[in-house]
């Protein structure tokens, strides 16, 4: 029995290290999947807004002779926003900044569109337009919720891979820090609305 004791102790130590490494990796995998699911929810919310913008623009076009520059700005901003693609497995701060910039352009041009509509009383009373406006407001809330949940999913993932001793092995397993959504530039200043 004494002869096998070093082998048994060695096997127990090896199994303990294996279990520890497996725990680090598997927890990171689960947390990473949560981040990717949350990113999918963010993209779904933005896609819903982009789909609604097309309907809103068509409703506005049909209801009033409209300032083409504002309408064109909305369409171009929507096009730019849909062209920015991010791989959820490798989200970086730079990619999120580019994504935020594109989405900010949509929000800005959409705000101008809605402000310009104030000059058209018939359009403001149009039930289709009012419904779309409500849908857009609801969608903006969904986007905020999805972004918040994304950040909530990123936090435990980043905490897991950055705490010691996990930080020593996370990079070896291919897990890197994910970026958070931050407010777009200028979000700290009040929006100026002019008629």
Foldseek 3Di string as FASTA:
>chain_A
DVVCVVVVVVVVVVVVVVVVVCVLLVVLVVLLVQLVVLVVLLVVLLVLLLVLLVVLLVLVVVQDDADVVLSVQLVVLSVLLVVLDDDSQDADPVSLLSNLVSVVSNVVSVVVVVLRCVVPVVSVPDPSNVVSVVVNVVSVVSNVVSLVSSQVSLVVSQVSCPDPPNVVCCVVSPHDRHDHRDHHPPPVPDDDRDD
